[in-house]
Amino acid sequence: MLHYASIFLIVGLVAAMLGFWGIAGRAADIAKIVFLVFISLFYVTLLFGYEVI
């Protein structure tokens, strides 16, 4: 999940450098959402002690 957030962040940064503001904004929004989901799942895993692997 963190991998997807990283990919969307890179896509957003490249699009912003090239001037595609709409695409960059959407990719950055998706990256934020995916990152927040990853962090929340990570904390739930720590809280309940589930084995991820």
PDB file of N, CA and C in Angstrom:
ATOM      1  N   MET A   1       0.827  -1.188   0.000  1.00  0.00           N
ATOM      2  CA  MET A   1       0.000   0.000   0.000  1.00  0.00           C
ATOM      3  C   MET A   1       0.873   1.253   0.000  1.00  0.00           C
ATOM      4  N   LEU A   2       1.937   1.230   0.775  1.00  0.00           N
ATOM      5  CA  LEU A   2       2.842   2.372   0.776  1.00  0.00           C
ATOM      6  C   LEU A   2       3.507   2.518  -0.582  1.00  0.00           C
ATOM      7  N   HIS A   3       3.682   1.415  -1.282  1.00  0.00           N
ATOM      8  CA  HIS A   3       4.251   1.442  -2.622  1.00  0.00           C
ATOM      9  C   HIS A   3       3.345   2.238  -3.566  1.00  0.00           C
ATOM     10  N   TYR A   4       2.034   2.011  -3.492  1.00  0.00           N
ATOM     11  CA  TYR A   4       1.095   2.746  -4.338  1.00  0.00           C
ATOM     12  C   TYR A   4       1.095   4.229  -4.007  1.00  0.00           C
ATOM     13  N   ALA A   5       1.167   4.566  -2.728  1.00  0.00           N
ATOM     14  CA  ALA A   5       1.220   5.969  -2.337  1.00  0.00           C
ATOM     15  C   ALA A   5       2.476   6.627  -2.898  1.00  0.00           C
ATOM     16  N   SER A   6       3.584   5.911  -2.870  1.00  0.00           N
ATOM     17  CA  SER A   6       4.833   6.454  -3.411  1.00  0.00           C
ATOM     18  C   SER A   6       4.730   6.666  -4.920  1.00  0.00           C
ATOM     19  N   ILE A   7       4.121   5.721  -5.619  1.00  0.00           N
ATOM     20  CA  ILE A   7       3.967   5.860  -7.064  1.00  0.00           C
ATOM     21  C   ILE A   7       3.103   7.068  -7.403  1.00  0.00           C
ATOM     22  N   PHE A   8       1.978   7.228  -6.732  1.00  0.00           N
ATOM     23  CA  PHE A   8       1.110   8.371  -7.003  1.00  0.00           C
ATOM     24  C   PHE A   8       1.791   9.683  -6.641  1.00  0.00           C
ATOM     25  N   LEU A   9       2.609   9.682  -5.595  1.00  0.00           N
ATOM     26  CA  LEU A   9       3.341  10.884  -5.227  1.00  0.00           C
ATOM     27  C   LEU A   9       4.338  11.254  -6.321  1.00  0.00           C
ATOM     28  N   ILE A  10       5.061  10.277  -6.843  1.00  0.00           N
ATOM     29  CA  ILE A  10       6.027  10.546  -7.915  1.00  0.00           C
ATOM     30  C   ILE A  10       5.322  11.023  -9.173  1.00  0.00           C
ATOM     31  N   VAL A  11       4.201  10.401  -9.516  1.00  0.00           N
ATOM     32  CA  VAL A  11       3.433  10.831 -10.691  1.00  0.00           C
ATOM     33  C   VAL A  11       2.958  12.265 -10.510  1.00  0.00           C
ATOM     34  N   GLY A  12       2.496  12.583  -9.314  1.00  0.00           N
ATOM     35  CA  GLY A  12       2.048  13.942  -9.039  1.00  0.00           C
ATOM     36  C   GLY A  12       3.174  14.960  -9.135  1.00  0.00           C
ATOM     37  N   LEU A  13       4.356  14.612  -8.621  1.00  0.00           N
ATOM     38  CA  LEU A  13       5.493  15.536  -8.686  1.00  0.00           C
ATOM     39  C   LEU A  13       5.973  15.746 -10.111  1.00  0.00           C
ATOM     40  N   VAL A  14       6.031  14.679 -10.894  1.00  0.00           N
ATOM     41  CA  VAL A  14       6.454  14.808 -12.291  1.00  0.00           C
ATOM     42  C   VAL A  14       5.443  15.625 -13.078  1.00  0.00           C
ATOM     43  N   ALA A  15       4.165  15.370 -12.861  1.00  0.00           N
ATOM     44  CA  ALA A  15       3.136  16.122 -13.568  1.00  0.00           C
ATOM     45  C   ALA A  15       3.160  17.597 -13.164  1.00  0.00           C
ATOM     46  N   ALA A  16       3.454  17.874 -11.900  1.00  0.00           N
ATOM     47  CA  ALA A  16       3.528  19.267 -11.457  1.00  0.00           C
ATOM     48  C   ALA A  16       4.713  19.983 -12.103  1.00  0.00           C
ATOM     49  N   MET A  17       5.829  19.280 -12.243  1.00  0.00           N
ATOM     50  CA  MET A  17       6.995  19.892 -12.883  1.00  0.00           C
ATOM     51  C   MET A  17       6.730  20.163 -14.363  1.00  0.00           C
ATOM     52  N   LEU A  18       5.916  19.317 -14.992  1.00  0.00           N
ATOM     53  CA  LEU A  18       5.614  19.499 -16.406  1.00  0.00           C
ATOM     54  C   LEU A  18       4.449  20.462 -16.634  1.00  0.00           C
ATOM     55  N   GLY A  19       3.775  20.849 -15.591  1.00  0.00           N
ATOM     56  CA  GLY A  19       2.713  21.844 -15.706  1.00  0.00           C
ATOM     57  C   GLY A  19       1.322  21.269 -15.859  1.00  0.00           C
ATOM     58  N   PHE A  20       1.123  19.993 -15.629  1.00  0.00           N
ATOM     59  CA  PHE A  20      -0.205  19.401 -15.708  1.00  0.00           C
ATOM     60  C   PHE A  20      -0.860  19.495 -14.329  1.00  0.00           C
ATOM     61  N   TRP A  21      -1.408  20.649 -14.031  1.00  0.00           N
ATOM     62  CA  TRP A  21      -1.881  20.911 -12.674  1.00  0.00           C
ATOM     63  C   TRP A  21      -3.047  20.024 -12.275  1.00  0.00           C
ATOM     64  N   GLY A  22      -3.971  19.748 -13.188  1.00  0.00           N
ATOM     65  CA  GLY A  22      -5.111  18.901 -12.843  1.00  0.00           C
ATOM     66  C   GLY A  22      -4.687  17.484 -12.520  1.00  0.00           C
ATOM     67  N   ILE A  23      -3.806  16.930 -13.342  1.00  0.00           N
ATOM     68  CA  ILE A  23      -3.316  15.572 -13.122  1.00  0.00           C
ATOM     69  C   ILE A  23      -2.483  15.520 -11.846  1.00  0.00           C
ATOM     70  N   ALA A  24      -1.656  16.522 -11.643  1.00  0.00           N
ATOM     71  CA  ALA A  24      -0.802  16.551 -10.449  1.00  0.00           C
ATOM     72  C   ALA A  24      -1.644  16.629  -9.183  1.00  0.00           C
ATOM     73  N   GLY A  25      -2.680  17.423  -9.220  1.00  0.00           N
ATOM     74  CA  GLY A  25      -3.546  17.549  -8.049  1.00  0.00           C
ATOM     75  C   GLY A  25      -4.255  16.254  -7.724  1.00  0.00           C
ATOM     76  N   ARG A  26      -4.763  15.593  -8.758  1.00  0.00           N
ATOM     77  CA  ARG A  26      -5.466  14.318  -8.541  1.00  0.00           C
ATOM     78  C   ARG A  26      -4.507  13.247  -8.043  1.00  0.00           C
ATOM     79  N   ALA A  27      -3.324  13.164  -8.629  1.00  0.00           N
ATOM     80  CA  ALA A  27      -2.357  12.154  -8.188  1.00  0.00           C
ATOM     81  C   ALA A  27      -1.918  12.420  -6.751  1.00  0.00           C
ATOM     82  N   ALA A  28      -1.744  13.672  -6.392  1.00  0.00           N
ATOM     83  CA  ALA A  28      -1.366  14.008  -5.026  1.00  0.00           C
ATOM     84  C   ALA A  28      -2.492  13.674  -4.049  1.00  0.00           C
ATOM     85  N   ASP A  29      -3.739  13.932  -4.451  1.00  0.00           N
ATOM     86  CA  ASP A  29      -4.872  13.580  -3.594  1.00  0.00           C
ATOM     87  C   ASP A  29      -4.955  12.074  -3.375  1.00  0.00           C
ATOM     88  N   ILE A  30      -4.779  11.307  -4.444  1.00  0.00           N
ATOM     89  CA  ILE A  30      -4.816   9.849  -4.322  1.00  0.00           C
ATOM     90  C   ILE A  30      -3.681   9.367  -3.437  1.00  0.00           C
ATOM     91  N   ALA A  31      -2.496   9.965  -3.592  1.00  0.00           N
ATOM     92  CA  ALA A  31      -1.354   9.573  -2.767  1.00  0.00           C
ATOM     93  C   ALA A  31      -1.629   9.844  -1.290  1.00  0.00           C
ATOM     94  N   LYS A  32      -2.250  10.963  -0.989  1.00  0.00           N
ATOM     95  CA  LYS A  32      -2.581  11.277   0.407  1.00  0.00           C
ATOM     96  C   LYS A  32      -3.564  10.267   0.987  1.00  0.00           C
ATOM     97  N   ILE A  33      -4.588   9.940   0.211  1.00  0.00           N
ATOM     98  CA  ILE A  33      -5.616   9.008   0.688  1.00  0.00           C
ATOM     99  C   ILE A  33      -5.015   7.626   0.925  1.00  0.00           C
ATOM    100  N   VAL A  34      -4.234   7.141  -0.049  1.00  0.00           N
ATOM    101  CA  VAL A  34      -3.634   5.816   0.087  1.00  0.00           C
ATOM    102  C   VAL A  34      -2.657   5.789   1.264  1.00  0.00           C
ATOM    103  N   PHE A  35      -1.905   6.872   1.455  1.00  0.00           N
ATOM    104  CA  PHE A  35      -0.971   6.935   2.572  1.00  0.00           C
ATOM    105  C   PHE A  35      -1.710   6.930   3.905  1.00  0.00           C
ATOM    106  N   LEU A  36      -2.810   7.663   4.009  1.00  0.00           N
ATOM    107  CA  LEU A  36      -3.581   7.673   5.253  1.00  0.00           C
ATOM    108  C   LEU A  36      -4.188   6.307   5.546  1.00  0.00           C
ATOM    109  N   VAL A  37      -4.651   5.608   4.522  1.00  0.00           N
ATOM    110  CA  VAL A  37      -5.171   4.256   4.718  1.00  0.00           C
ATOM    111  C   VAL A  37      -4.053   3.333   5.202  1.00  0.00           C
ATOM    112  N   PHE A  38      -2.866   3.458   4.596  1.00  0.00           N
ATOM    113  CA  PHE A  38      -1.733   2.645   5.017  1.00  0.00           C
ATOM    114  C   PHE A  38      -1.383   2.905   6.474  1.00  0.00           C
ATOM    115  N   ILE A  39      -1.307   4.170   6.864  1.00  0.00           N
ATOM    116  CA  ILE A  39      -0.953   4.515   8.250  1.00  0.00           C
ATOM    117  C   ILE A  39      -2.002   3.992   9.221  1.00  0.00           C
ATOM    118  N   SER A  40      -3.281   4.136   8.880  1.00  0.00           N
ATOM    119  CA  SER A  40      -4.316   3.657   9.795  1.00  0.00           C
ATOM    120  C   SER A  40      -4.275   2.135   9.930  1.00  0.00           C
ATOM    121  N   LEU A  41      -4.052   1.412   8.830  1.00  0.00           N
ATOM    122  CA  LEU A  41      -3.932  -0.038   8.920  1.00  0.00           C
ATOM    123  C   LEU A  41      -2.690  -0.452   9.699  1.00  0.00           C
ATOM    124  N   PHE A  42      -1.622   0.312   9.557  1.00  0.00           N
ATOM    125  CA  PHE A  42      -0.402   0.037  10.305  1.00  0.00           C
ATOM    126  C   PHE A  42      -0.643   0.178  11.806  1.00  0.00           C
ATOM    127  N   TYR A  43      -1.350   1.232  12.224  1.00  0.00           N
ATOM    128  CA  TYR A  43      -1.624   1.427  13.650  1.00  0.00           C
ATOM    129  C   TYR A  43      -2.571   0.363  14.192  1.00  0.00           C
ATOM    130  N   VAL A  44      -3.552  -0.047  13.398  1.00  0.00           N
ATOM    131  CA  VAL A  44      -4.456  -1.108  13.836  1.00  0.00           C
ATOM    132  C   VAL A  44      -3.670  -2.402  14.020  1.00  0.00           C
ATOM    133  N   THR A  45      -2.748  -2.671  13.099  1.00  0.00           N
ATOM    134  CA  THR A  45      -1.917  -3.862  13.217  1.00  0.00           C
ATOM    135  C   THR A  45      -1.055  -3.804  14.468  1.00  0.00           C
ATOM    136  N   LEU A  46      -0.474  -2.647  14.760  1.00  0.00           N
ATOM    137  CA  LEU A  46       0.321  -2.512  15.977  1.00  0.00           C
ATOM    138  C   LEU A  46      -0.534  -2.659  17.229  1.00  0.00           C
ATOM    139  N   LEU A  47      -1.721  -2.100  17.178  1.00  0.00           N
ATOM    140  CA  LEU A  47      -2.599  -2.126  18.350  1.00  0.00           C
ATOM    141  C   LEU A  47      -3.045  -3.554  18.691  1.00  0.00           C
ATOM    142  N   PHE A  48      -3.432  -4.313  17.689  1.00  0.00           N
ATOM    143  CA  PHE A  48      -3.957  -5.650  17.938  1.00  0.00           C
ATOM    144  C   PHE A  48      -2.907  -6.739  17.801  1.00  0.00           C
ATOM    145  N   GLY A  49      -1.734  -6.420  17.302  1.00  0.00           N
ATOM    146  CA  GLY A  49      -0.645  -7.363  17.232  1.00  0.00           C
ATOM    147  C   GLY A  49      -0.785  -8.443  16.192  1.00  0.00           C
ATOM    148  N   TYR A  50      -1.436  -8.138  15.070  1.00  0.00           N
ATOM    149  CA  TYR A  50      -1.563  -9.125  14.010  1.00  0.00           C
ATOM    150  C   TYR A  50      -0.240  -9.325  13.300  1.00  0.00           C
ATOM    151  N   GLU A  51      -0.028 -10.536  12.827  1.00  0.00           N
ATOM    152  CA  GLU A  51       1.149 -10.827  12.005  1.00  0.00           C
ATOM    153  C   GLU A  51       0.827 -10.415  10.578  1.00  0.00           C
ATOM    154  N   VAL A  52       1.663  -9.556   9.999  1.00  0.00           N
ATOM    155  CA  VAL A  52       1.407  -9.072   8.654  1.00  0.00           C
ATOM    156  C   VAL A  52       1.979 -10.051   7.633  1.00  0.00           C
ATOM    157  N   ILE A  53       3.077 -10.670   7.961  1.00  0.00           N
ATOM    158  CA  ILE A  53       3.744 -11.556   6.996  1.00  0.00           C
ATOM    159  C   ILE A  53       3.124 -12.929   7.019  1.00  0.00           C
TER     160      ILE A  53
END
